[in-house]
Amino acid sequence: MLLLSVLLPDDRYTGPFNCTLTATFFKSDVVTGLAPPADLIVPISSQNASSNTGSAWQVPEREAVSTVKFPRNANRAVFSVSANGQGTEEFWWSNVLQSDAAAFNATVGMAPAGSPWREVQVLIDDKLAGVQWPFPVIFTGGVVPSFHRPVVGLDAFDLREHEIDISPWLPVLSDGNEHTFKIKVAGLADQGDKTSVNTTVGNFWVISGKVFLWLDEEGSVTTGRPPTVDISEPDVKLTGRMLKQNSTGANESLAFNLEVTRSISVKGEVVSKKGTMNPVWSQKLSYSNQATISEFGRNGFNNFIITGTDELSGQGSYKSTYSFPLIVDQISNMTAAGDLSLSATLFQELKLEVEGVGVYPTGLEVYNNPNRTERQGKPGDYRIAKLSTFRNGTAKFNMPADMKSSSASGTIRQVLRFSGGREGGARDVELYSRQVRATNNTVLSDEEKSADSQPRVLLSEEVN
């Protein structure tokens, strides 16, 4: 999904949008016996296509709720959720605690609050079915504009969705009645040493979803028992909070450490044409953020990481393991005359490992090609797909008070690696890799390597 509202932020930027998208594909035979595509996809959205407007909700301005009636012969169901923070929620990972929103109001104004933790919740008939702890996408221009020239932030032009298997709910959803799906975004409220989950967040999140359904023959009816839900409340640890003041009593700096963990288990009994299945959907999630705000609210530092494991067992096999580290150290200054300067260092990484049967028959979800032959001559048969990419760099930006000109500099490096693995064998066979380095809007080096070809140097730095 390409979100033009982020790329063109206000009325000053008008005109046609001209871009070139380049994709790299692996051509292989689709083994649909292992991962057949869904028979039906049910939209969970505001469904505004008939009025020629977008169907995504903007939360919290609108409640993200949809009422749907499922076919009665489904044997598997997966919910795919899309959730992206915008406005005061674009940099949610750097927000302050709710109680500290006004800490630097005298110098820089009210700060985006609600804590730097977010949880996207999927509810079926007002019961929690699963969650997503979102990836911290830094869109083009974010933090410092020259971080993104010409190499954009991770996921910025390819917003991934998150899968939640809701097969344990099929006995409920297959009763022939209408059921409600809700998507909520939660942060944290705090009072003293106490914290609580709060589903009133800042403005705004772009939210939508869809359900992938696999069906039995017409006329069959899926039955079973309602799921057994074992979901813990988020375990929140807030430590090291310290608000320092200078000699005149002005708030000078703020620091705190926030840790959150959560586990989810949903067990079901599904009786369909395929027999009796006992699907179990489980999630284990961990979050940590070391935050410091200094220079009367002008500078910020965040050392952030989310790790998680989502797994389906008892009905096929699916496992997704992920890690989202992010370290940002940013400095901003505005002179009395109104001249603005920004500088920052950044490290961001995405690690994603998918094993088993996802919702897509090909691609990262399942990279399985028995006819493929490795360089070593061994037959291919990849059941595990791994994507690892990181970017790091420094950037500066300066703009005078009249906003008629600006100057910027920056250096960014990105490394991407895609690999496959086998059950009981090699779990990390490199299939594709690419490294790019850019400085001051110019790509200096670009190298890629594929398992089917020799390394290619697309662009190299001149050596004096």
Protein backbone atom coordinates (compact mmCIF):
# COMPACT_ATOMS: atom_id res chain seq x y z
CA MET A 1 0.00 0.00 0.00
CA LEU A 2 1.34 3.45 -0.97
CA LEU A 3 -0.03 6.12 1.36
CA LEU A 4 0.02 9.37 -0.61
CA SER A 5 -1.25 11.44 2.31
CA VAL A 6 2.11 10.87 3.97
CA LEU A 7 4.14 11.69 0.88
CA LEU A 8 2.17 14.87 0.13
CA PRO A 9 1.54 16.32 3.61
CA ASP A 10 -0.28 19.60 2.87
CA ASP A 11 -1.75 21.91 0.22
CA ARG A 12 1.65 23.42 -0.67
CA TYR A 13 2.67 20.19 -2.42
CA THR A 14 0.42 19.72 -5.44
CA GLY A 15 0.71 18.22 -8.89
CA PRO A 16 1.04 14.76 -10.41
CA PHE A 17 2.73 12.04 -8.41
CA ASN A 18 5.43 10.37 -10.51
CA CYS A 19 7.17 7.26 -9.21
CA THR A 20 8.83 4.12 -10.49
CA LEU A 21 8.43 0.87 -8.58
CA THR A 22 10.86 -1.97 -9.22
CA ALA A 23 10.19 -5.49 -7.96
CA THR A 24 12.38 -8.60 -7.87
CA PHE A 25 10.51 -11.89 -8.33
CA PHE A 26 11.51 -15.49 -7.89
CA LYS A 27 9.86 -17.65 -10.55
CA SER A 28 8.91 -21.08 -9.29
CA ASP A 29 6.19 -23.68 -9.55
CA VAL A 30 3.42 -23.08 -7.02
CA VAL A 31 2.95 -26.12 -4.79
CA THR A 32 -0.68 -25.47 -3.91
CA GLY A 33 -1.04 -28.78 -2.11
CA LEU A 34 0.99 -27.38 0.77
CA ALA A 35 -0.41 -23.85 0.76
CA PRO A 36 -3.54 -23.48 -1.38
CA PRO A 37 -4.83 -19.91 -1.74
CA ALA A 38 -7.95 -18.92 0.16
CA ASP A 39 -11.32 -19.62 -1.44
CA LEU A 40 -12.90 -16.39 -0.19
CA ILE A 41 -11.65 -13.06 1.17
CA VAL A 42 -14.07 -11.08 3.35
CA PRO A 43 -13.32 -7.33 3.73
CA ILE A 44 -13.35 -5.84 7.22
CA SER A 45 -13.59 -2.15 6.41
CA SER A 46 -15.99 0.77 6.09
CA GLN A 47 -16.71 -0.43 2.50
CA ASN A 48 -16.93 3.00 0.89
CA ALA A 49 -15.88 1.92 -2.60
CA SER A 50 -19.32 2.68 -4.05
CA SER A 51 -18.91 6.34 -3.08
CA ASN A 52 -15.39 6.47 -4.59
CA THR A 53 -13.72 7.10 -1.24
CA GLY A 54 -11.27 5.09 0.83
CA SER A 55 -12.57 2.22 2.93
CA ALA A 56 -10.01 2.40 5.74
CA TRP A 57 -11.12 3.79 9.08
CA GLN A 58 -9.39 6.67 10.82
CA VAL A 59 -9.22 5.74 14.49
CA PRO A 60 -10.16 7.14 16.99
CA GLU A 61 -12.32 9.56 14.98
CA ARG A 62 -14.37 6.60 13.80
CA GLU A 63 -14.92 3.23 15.40
CA ALA A 64 -13.44 0.41 13.32
CA VAL A 65 -16.31 -2.08 13.43
CA SER A 66 -17.81 -4.28 10.72
CA THR A 67 -20.69 -6.76 10.82
CA VAL A 68 -20.33 -9.80 8.59
CA LYS A 69 -22.03 -13.13 7.97
CA PHE A 70 -19.69 -16.01 7.25
CA PRO A 71 -20.39 -18.99 5.00
CA ARG A 72 -21.12 -22.06 7.12
CA ASN A 73 -18.60 -24.36 5.46
CA ALA A 74 -15.24 -22.76 6.35
CA ASN A 75 -12.46 -24.99 7.69
CA ARG A 76 -9.80 -22.31 8.21
CA ALA A 77 -9.86 -18.54 8.78
CA VAL A 78 -7.05 -15.99 9.04
CA PHE A 79 -7.53 -12.30 9.87
CA SER A 80 -5.08 -9.91 8.20
CA VAL A 81 -4.90 -6.49 9.87
CA SER A 82 -3.45 -3.24 8.51
CA ALA A 83 -2.73 -0.48 11.04
CA ASN A 84 -0.53 2.58 10.55
CA GLY A 85 -0.10 5.60 12.81
CA GLN A 86 -0.38 9.10 11.32
CA GLY A 87 -0.64 12.66 12.65
CA THR A 88 0.28 12.78 16.33
CA GLU A 89 0.58 8.98 16.23
CA GLU A 90 3.15 8.80 13.39
CA PHE A 91 6.02 8.65 15.88
CA TRP A 92 4.08 6.79 18.58
CA TRP A 93 7.28 4.99 19.62
CA SER A 94 8.67 8.33 20.90
CA ASN A 95 5.51 9.53 22.69
CA VAL A 96 5.71 10.37 26.38
CA LEU A 97 3.63 9.03 29.23
CA GLN A 98 0.17 10.54 29.56
CA SER A 99 1.12 12.17 32.86
CA ASP A 100 4.09 13.92 31.18
CA ALA A 101 2.23 15.40 28.20
CA ALA A 102 2.62 18.94 29.57
CA ALA A 103 6.13 18.51 30.97
CA PHE A 104 7.69 20.80 28.34
CA ASN A 105 4.63 22.84 27.42
CA ALA A 106 6.38 26.08 28.38
CA THR A 107 9.21 25.52 25.88
CA VAL A 108 8.00 23.32 22.99
CA GLY A 109 4.29 22.80 23.65
CA MET A 110 2.24 19.77 24.54
CA ALA A 111 3.85 16.47 23.62
CA PRO A 112 2.14 13.50 21.93
CA ALA A 113 1.34 11.15 24.78
CA GLY A 114 -0.38 7.90 25.70
CA SER A 115 3.03 6.23 26.19
CA PRO A 116 5.40 4.95 23.46
CA TRP A 117 3.67 1.53 23.40
CA ARG A 118 0.84 0.60 21.04
CA GLU A 119 -1.25 -2.53 20.61
CA VAL A 120 -3.64 -3.23 17.74
CA GLN A 121 -6.47 -5.43 19.00
CA VAL A 122 -8.79 -7.65 16.92
CA LEU A 123 -12.08 -8.49 18.62
CA ILE A 124 -14.80 -10.93 17.56
CA ASP A 125 -18.18 -10.19 19.15
CA ASP A 126 -16.31 -7.95 21.64
CA LYS A 127 -13.94 -10.75 22.67
CA LEU A 128 -10.21 -10.39 22.06
CA ALA A 129 -9.02 -12.84 19.39
CA GLY A 130 -5.45 -11.62 18.87
CA VAL A 131 -3.18 -8.59 18.73
CA GLN A 132 -0.49 -6.89 16.70
CA TRP A 133 2.35 -4.88 18.21
CA PRO A 134 3.06 -2.69 15.20
CA PHE A 135 6.33 -2.20 13.38
CA PRO A 136 7.58 1.40 13.86
CA VAL A 137 7.44 2.60 10.25
CA ILE A 138 9.37 5.83 9.70
CA PHE A 139 7.79 7.39 6.64
CA THR A 140 9.60 9.57 4.10
CA GLY A 141 10.72 12.81 5.75
CA GLY A 142 10.43 11.32 9.24
CA VAL A 143 12.91 12.23 12.03
CA VAL A 144 15.18 14.12 9.56
CA PRO A 145 14.17 14.44 5.88
CA SER A 146 17.63 13.60 4.51
CA PHE A 147 17.46 10.11 6.02
CA HIS A 148 15.20 9.21 3.09
CA ARG A 149 17.05 10.61 0.08
CA PRO A 150 16.99 8.40 -1.90
CA VAL A 151 16.72 5.27 0.31
CA VAL A 152 13.39 5.33 2.18
CA GLY A 153 12.58 3.85 5.59
CA LEU A 154 11.90 0.17 6.16
CA ASP A 155 8.35 -0.76 5.06
CA ALA A 156 7.58 2.87 4.11
CA PHE A 157 6.63 1.90 0.54
CA ASP A 158 5.47 -1.63 1.37
CA LEU A 159 3.24 -1.59 4.44
CA ARG A 160 2.97 -5.15 5.68
CA GLU A 161 -0.14 -6.59 7.26
CA HIS A 162 -0.20 -8.86 10.30
CA GLU A 163 -1.85 -12.29 10.38
CA ILE A 164 -3.99 -13.59 13.24
CA ASP A 165 -5.39 -17.09 12.81
CA ILE A 166 -9.03 -17.13 13.94
CA SER A 167 -9.76 -20.76 13.05
CA PRO A 168 -10.59 -21.58 16.71
CA TRP A 169 -13.57 -19.22 16.34
CA LEU A 170 -15.09 -21.04 13.34
CA PRO A 171 -17.74 -22.96 15.36
CA VAL A 172 -19.06 -19.55 16.48
CA LEU A 173 -18.67 -17.80 13.12
CA SER A 174 -20.30 -20.66 11.17
CA ASP A 175 -23.67 -20.52 12.93
CA GLY A 176 -25.35 -18.60 10.09
CA ASN A 177 -25.69 -15.39 12.10
CA GLU A 178 -24.02 -12.00 11.76
CA HIS A 179 -20.94 -11.31 13.87
CA THR A 180 -19.02 -8.13 14.65
CA PHE A 181 -15.34 -7.54 14.07
CA LYS A 182 -13.66 -4.60 15.79
CA ILE A 183 -10.14 -3.25 15.50
CA LYS A 184 -8.91 -1.09 18.35
CA VAL A 185 -5.62 0.68 19.04
CA ALA A 186 -4.45 0.80 22.65
CA GLY A 187 -1.82 2.74 24.55
CA LEU A 188 -1.17 3.18 28.26
CA ALA A 189 -2.63 5.53 30.84
CA ASP A 190 -0.58 6.14 33.97
CA GLN A 191 -1.19 7.60 37.40
CA GLY A 192 1.69 7.52 39.82
CA ASP A 193 3.26 4.07 39.68
CA LYS A 194 0.12 2.49 38.20
CA THR A 195 -0.53 1.92 34.51
CA SER A 196 -3.53 0.61 32.60
CA VAL A 197 -4.36 -0.17 28.98
CA ASN A 198 -6.22 2.71 27.35
CA THR A 199 -7.96 2.43 23.97
CA THR A 200 -8.19 6.21 23.56
CA VAL A 201 -5.10 7.17 21.57
CA GLY A 202 -4.04 10.24 19.63
CA ASN A 203 -5.18 11.27 16.17
CA PHE A 204 -4.96 9.08 14.08
CA TRP A 205 -4.51 5.46 12.91
CA VAL A 206 -5.43 4.18 9.43
CA ILE A 207 -7.12 0.82 10.04
CA SER A 208 -8.58 -1.97 7.91
CA GLY A 209 -8.64 -5.76 7.73
CA LYS A 210 -9.69 -8.81 5.78
CA VAL A 211 -10.46 -12.44 6.54
CA PHE A 212 -9.05 -15.23 4.37
CA LEU A 213 -11.37 -18.27 4.31
CA TRP A 214 -10.77 -21.83 3.13
CA LEU A 215 -14.04 -23.66 2.38
CA ASP A 216 -15.37 -27.21 2.26
CA GLU A 217 -17.94 -28.38 -0.28
CA GLU A 218 -21.22 -26.51 -0.61
CA GLY A 219 -23.82 -27.77 1.84
CA SER A 220 -21.40 -28.87 4.55
CA VAL A 221 -21.63 -27.14 7.93
CA THR A 222 -18.74 -26.49 10.29
CA THR A 223 -19.51 -27.16 13.94
CA GLY A 224 -17.57 -27.67 17.15
CA ARG A 225 -17.18 -25.83 20.42
CA PRO A 226 -16.64 -22.14 21.24
CA PRO A 227 -12.95 -21.39 21.81
CA THR A 228 -11.24 -21.43 25.18
CA VAL A 229 -9.54 -18.06 25.53
CA ASP A 230 -6.57 -17.57 27.86
CA ILE A 231 -5.30 -14.02 27.47
CA SER A 232 -3.25 -12.24 30.10
CA GLU A 233 -3.45 -8.51 30.63
CA PRO A 234 -0.27 -6.76 29.49
CA ASP A 235 2.40 -6.95 32.18
CA VAL A 236 3.72 -3.38 32.36
CA LYS A 237 6.88 -2.30 34.17
CA LEU A 238 7.60 1.42 34.36
CA THR A 239 10.95 2.19 35.98
CA GLY A 240 13.56 4.92 36.20
CA ARG A 241 11.15 7.80 35.64
CA MET A 242 12.96 11.03 36.44
CA LEU A 243 11.93 14.60 35.66
CA LYS A 244 14.79 17.06 36.23
CA GLN A 245 14.47 20.79 36.63
CA ASN A 246 17.01 23.57 36.31
CA SER A 247 17.77 26.24 38.90
CA THR A 248 14.75 28.32 37.86
CA GLY A 249 12.35 25.39 38.21
CA ALA A 250 11.86 24.77 34.47
CA ASN A 251 11.59 21.15 33.37
CA GLU A 252 14.89 20.37 31.65
CA SER A 253 14.90 16.61 31.02
CA LEU A 254 12.74 13.51 31.37
CA ALA A 255 13.76 9.85 31.39
CA PHE A 256 11.91 6.57 31.86
CA ASN A 257 12.13 2.88 30.98
CA LEU A 258 9.05 0.99 29.82
CA GLU A 259 8.74 -2.78 29.48
CA VAL A 260 5.61 -4.69 28.43
CA THR A 261 4.98 -8.41 27.92
CA ARG A 262 1.87 -10.33 26.98
CA SER A 263 0.80 -13.89 26.15
CA ILE A 264 -2.29 -15.09 24.30
CA SER A 265 -3.74 -18.57 23.80
CA VAL A 266 -6.97 -19.42 21.98
CA LYS A 267 -7.90 -23.10 21.76
CA GLY A 268 -10.70 -24.47 19.62
CA GLU A 269 -12.44 -27.62 18.46
CA VAL A 270 -13.48 -27.42 14.81
CA VAL A 271 -15.51 -30.18 13.17
CA SER A 272 -15.65 -29.95 9.37
CA LYS A 273 -15.50 -32.15 6.29
CA LYS A 274 -11.79 -32.51 6.99
CA GLY A 275 -12.55 -34.09 10.35
CA THR A 276 -12.11 -32.83 13.90
CA MET A 277 -9.31 -30.33 14.39
CA ASN A 278 -8.06 -28.68 17.57
CA PRO A 279 -6.45 -25.42 16.43
CA VAL A 280 -4.47 -23.43 18.99
CA TRP A 281 -3.49 -19.83 18.27
CA SER A 282 -0.79 -18.45 20.57
CA GLN A 283 1.19 -15.23 20.80
CA LYS A 284 4.11 -14.23 23.02
CA LEU A 285 5.15 -10.60 22.86
CA SER A 286 7.82 -8.47 24.51
CA TYR A 287 8.49 -4.72 24.36
CA SER A 288 11.19 -2.45 25.78
CA ASN A 289 11.84 1.28 25.38
CA GLN A 290 14.51 3.36 27.09
CA ALA A 291 13.47 6.98 26.57
CA THR A 292 15.19 10.27 27.33
CA ILE A 293 14.03 13.79 26.47
CA SER A 294 16.48 16.61 27.12
CA GLU A 295 17.19 20.29 26.43
CA PHE A 296 13.77 21.37 27.67
CA GLY A 297 11.99 18.97 25.31
CA ARG A 298 13.97 19.67 22.14
CA ASN A 299 16.09 16.52 21.99
CA GLY A 300 14.99 12.91 22.18
CA PHE A 301 16.53 9.46 22.49
CA ASN A 302 14.76 6.10 22.19
CA ASN A 303 16.25 2.61 22.39
CA PHE A 304 13.30 0.47 21.40
CA ILE A 305 12.66 -3.18 20.57
CA ILE A 306 9.66 -5.44 20.00
CA THR A 307 10.03 -9.22 19.78
CA GLY A 308 7.24 -11.69 19.19
CA THR A 309 6.23 -15.20 18.22
CA ASP A 310 2.84 -16.02 16.67
CA GLU A 311 2.03 -19.69 16.22
CA LEU A 312 -0.77 -21.96 15.04
CA SER A 313 -0.75 -25.64 16.00
CA GLY A 314 -3.27 -28.46 15.91
CA GLN A 315 -4.54 -27.55 12.44
CA GLY A 316 -1.69 -27.33 10.00
CA SER A 317 1.38 -25.44 11.09
CA TYR A 318 2.28 -21.76 11.04
CA LYS A 319 4.88 -19.84 13.01
CA SER A 320 6.05 -16.25 12.66
CA THR A 321 8.97 -14.93 14.72
CA TYR A 322 9.90 -11.26 14.52
CA SER A 323 12.11 -8.59 16.02
CA PHE A 324 11.90 -4.80 15.52
CA PRO A 325 14.87 -2.91 17.05
CA LEU A 326 15.02 0.89 16.68
CA ILE A 327 17.53 3.38 18.09
CA VAL A 328 17.02 7.08 17.37
CA ASP A 329 19.02 9.97 18.83
CA GLN A 330 17.66 13.29 17.57
CA ILE A 331 18.58 16.92 18.26
CA SER A 332 16.52 19.94 17.27
CA ASN A 333 17.10 23.63 17.74
CA MET A 334 15.25 26.79 16.81
CA THR A 335 16.90 30.16 17.19
CA ALA A 336 15.15 33.25 18.50
CA ALA A 337 14.83 34.37 14.88
CA GLY A 338 13.04 31.13 13.96
CA ASP A 339 15.82 29.30 12.12
CA LEU A 340 15.42 25.53 12.47
CA SER A 341 18.13 22.87 12.58
CA LEU A 342 17.70 19.10 12.96
CA SER A 343 20.24 16.31 13.30
CA ALA A 344 19.98 12.64 14.21
CA THR A 345 21.53 9.21 14.14
CA LEU A 346 19.38 6.18 13.42
CA PHE A 347 19.55 2.40 13.49
CA GLN A 348 16.51 0.34 12.52
CA GLU A 349 16.16 -3.37 11.84
CA LEU A 350 13.46 -5.80 10.78
CA LYS A 351 13.89 -9.53 11.33
CA LEU A 352 11.07 -11.81 10.23
CA GLU A 353 11.03 -15.61 10.06
CA VAL A 354 7.95 -17.42 8.74
CA GLU A 355 7.54 -21.18 8.92
CA GLY A 356 4.63 -23.23 7.65
CA VAL A 357 1.41 -22.28 5.89
CA GLY A 358 0.54 -18.59 5.71
CA VAL A 359 -2.26 -16.95 3.75
CA TYR A 360 -0.33 -16.54 0.51
CA PRO A 361 0.69 -19.43 -1.77
CA THR A 362 4.03 -17.84 -2.73
CA GLY A 363 6.41 -15.14 -1.60
CA LEU A 364 7.87 -14.56 1.85
CA GLU A 365 5.07 -16.44 3.57
CA VAL A 366 5.97 -19.75 1.92
CA TYR A 367 9.11 -20.20 -0.14
CA ASN A 368 8.72 -23.84 -1.12
CA ASN A 369 9.96 -25.17 -4.43
CA PRO A 370 10.84 -28.88 -4.60
CA ASN A 371 12.10 -28.45 -8.16
CA ARG A 372 14.68 -25.86 -7.17
CA THR A 373 18.34 -26.88 -7.06
CA GLU A 374 20.88 -25.14 -4.91
CA ARG A 375 24.39 -24.28 -6.06
CA GLN A 376 25.61 -27.24 -4.01
CA GLY A 377 23.38 -29.50 -6.13
CA LYS A 378 20.97 -30.38 -3.34
CA PRO A 379 17.25 -30.27 -4.11
CA GLY A 380 15.36 -27.31 -2.76
CA ASP A 381 12.36 -27.56 -0.45
CA TYR A 382 12.18 -24.50 1.75
CA ARG A 383 9.65 -24.54 4.57
CA ILE A 384 11.12 -21.52 6.36
CA ALA A 385 11.50 -18.01 4.95
CA LYS A 386 13.73 -15.41 6.62
CA LEU A 387 13.90 -11.71 5.90
CA SER A 388 16.48 -9.57 7.66
CA THR A 389 17.15 -5.93 6.81
CA PHE A 390 18.59 -2.97 8.65
CA ARG A 391 19.47 0.63 7.93
CA ASN A 392 21.70 3.02 9.84
CA GLY A 393 23.00 6.51 9.25
CA THR A 394 23.23 10.17 10.19
CA ALA A 395 21.35 13.18 8.84
CA LYS A 396 21.13 16.97 9.20
CA PHE A 397 18.59 19.53 8.04
CA ASN A 398 18.54 23.35 8.21
CA MET A 399 15.79 25.78 7.29
CA PRO A 400 15.67 29.57 7.84
CA ALA A 401 12.68 31.24 9.41
CA ASP A 402 11.26 32.43 6.07
CA MET A 403 11.03 28.76 4.92
CA LYS A 404 12.05 29.80 1.39
CA SER A 405 15.02 27.47 1.25
CA SER A 406 16.63 24.61 3.11
CA SER A 407 19.82 22.57 3.16
CA ALA A 408 20.36 18.98 4.16
CA SER A 409 22.97 16.26 4.30
CA GLY A 410 22.91 12.63 5.23
CA THR A 411 24.46 9.21 4.88
CA ILE A 412 22.41 6.03 5.02
CA ARG A 413 23.27 2.37 4.53
CA GLN A 414 20.82 -0.49 4.12
CA VAL A 415 21.52 -4.22 4.06
CA LEU A 416 18.84 -6.77 3.11
CA ARG A 417 19.07 -10.54 3.24
CA PHE A 418 16.43 -13.11 2.24
CA SER A 419 17.04 -16.78 2.98
CA GLY A 420 15.25 -20.12 3.16
CA GLY A 421 15.44 -23.02 5.56
CA ARG A 422 14.49 -26.67 5.79
CA GLU A 423 12.99 -28.68 8.60
CA GLY A 424 15.70 -30.91 10.01
CA GLY A 425 18.30 -29.44 7.65
CA ALA A 426 20.01 -26.17 6.80
CA ARG A 427 17.85 -23.41 8.26
CA ASP A 428 19.57 -20.44 6.64
CA VAL A 429 20.33 -20.78 2.91
CA GLU A 430 20.85 -17.35 1.38
CA LEU A 431 18.63 -16.75 -1.65
CA TYR A 432 19.02 -13.01 -2.19
CA SER A 433 20.92 -10.12 -0.63
CA ARG A 434 21.45 -6.45 -1.38
CA GLN A 435 23.52 -3.63 0.12
CA VAL A 436 23.06 0.05 -0.69
CA ARG A 437 24.89 3.11 0.59
CA ALA A 438 23.87 6.70 -0.18
CA THR A 439 25.19 10.12 0.78
CA ASN A 440 23.59 13.51 0.14
CA ASN A 441 20.87 12.22 -2.19
CA THR A 442 23.32 10.15 -4.24
CA VAL A 443 23.67 6.37 -4.28
CA LEU A 444 27.38 5.59 -3.87
CA SER A 445 27.28 1.80 -3.93
CA ASP A 446 24.67 -0.84 -4.73
CA GLU A 447 25.46 -4.56 -4.73
CA GLU A 448 23.10 -7.50 -5.00
CA LYS A 449 23.53 -11.27 -4.96
CA SER A 450 21.13 -14.06 -5.86
CA ALA A 451 21.46 -17.79 -5.26
CA ASP A 452 20.91 -18.34 -9.00
CA SER A 453 23.55 -15.92 -10.24
CA GLN A 454 26.91 -14.35 -9.56
CA PRO A 455 27.06 -11.21 -7.39
CA ARG A 456 26.24 -8.05 -9.31
CA VAL A 457 27.70 -4.62 -8.62
CA LEU A 458 24.97 -2.23 -9.74
CA LEU A 459 26.95 0.81 -8.65
CA SER A 460 30.28 1.16 -6.86
CA GLU A 461 32.11 4.01 -5.23
CA GLU A 462 35.03 5.46 -7.15
CA VAL A 463 38.33 4.76 -5.48
CA ASN A 464 40.76 7.67 -5.70
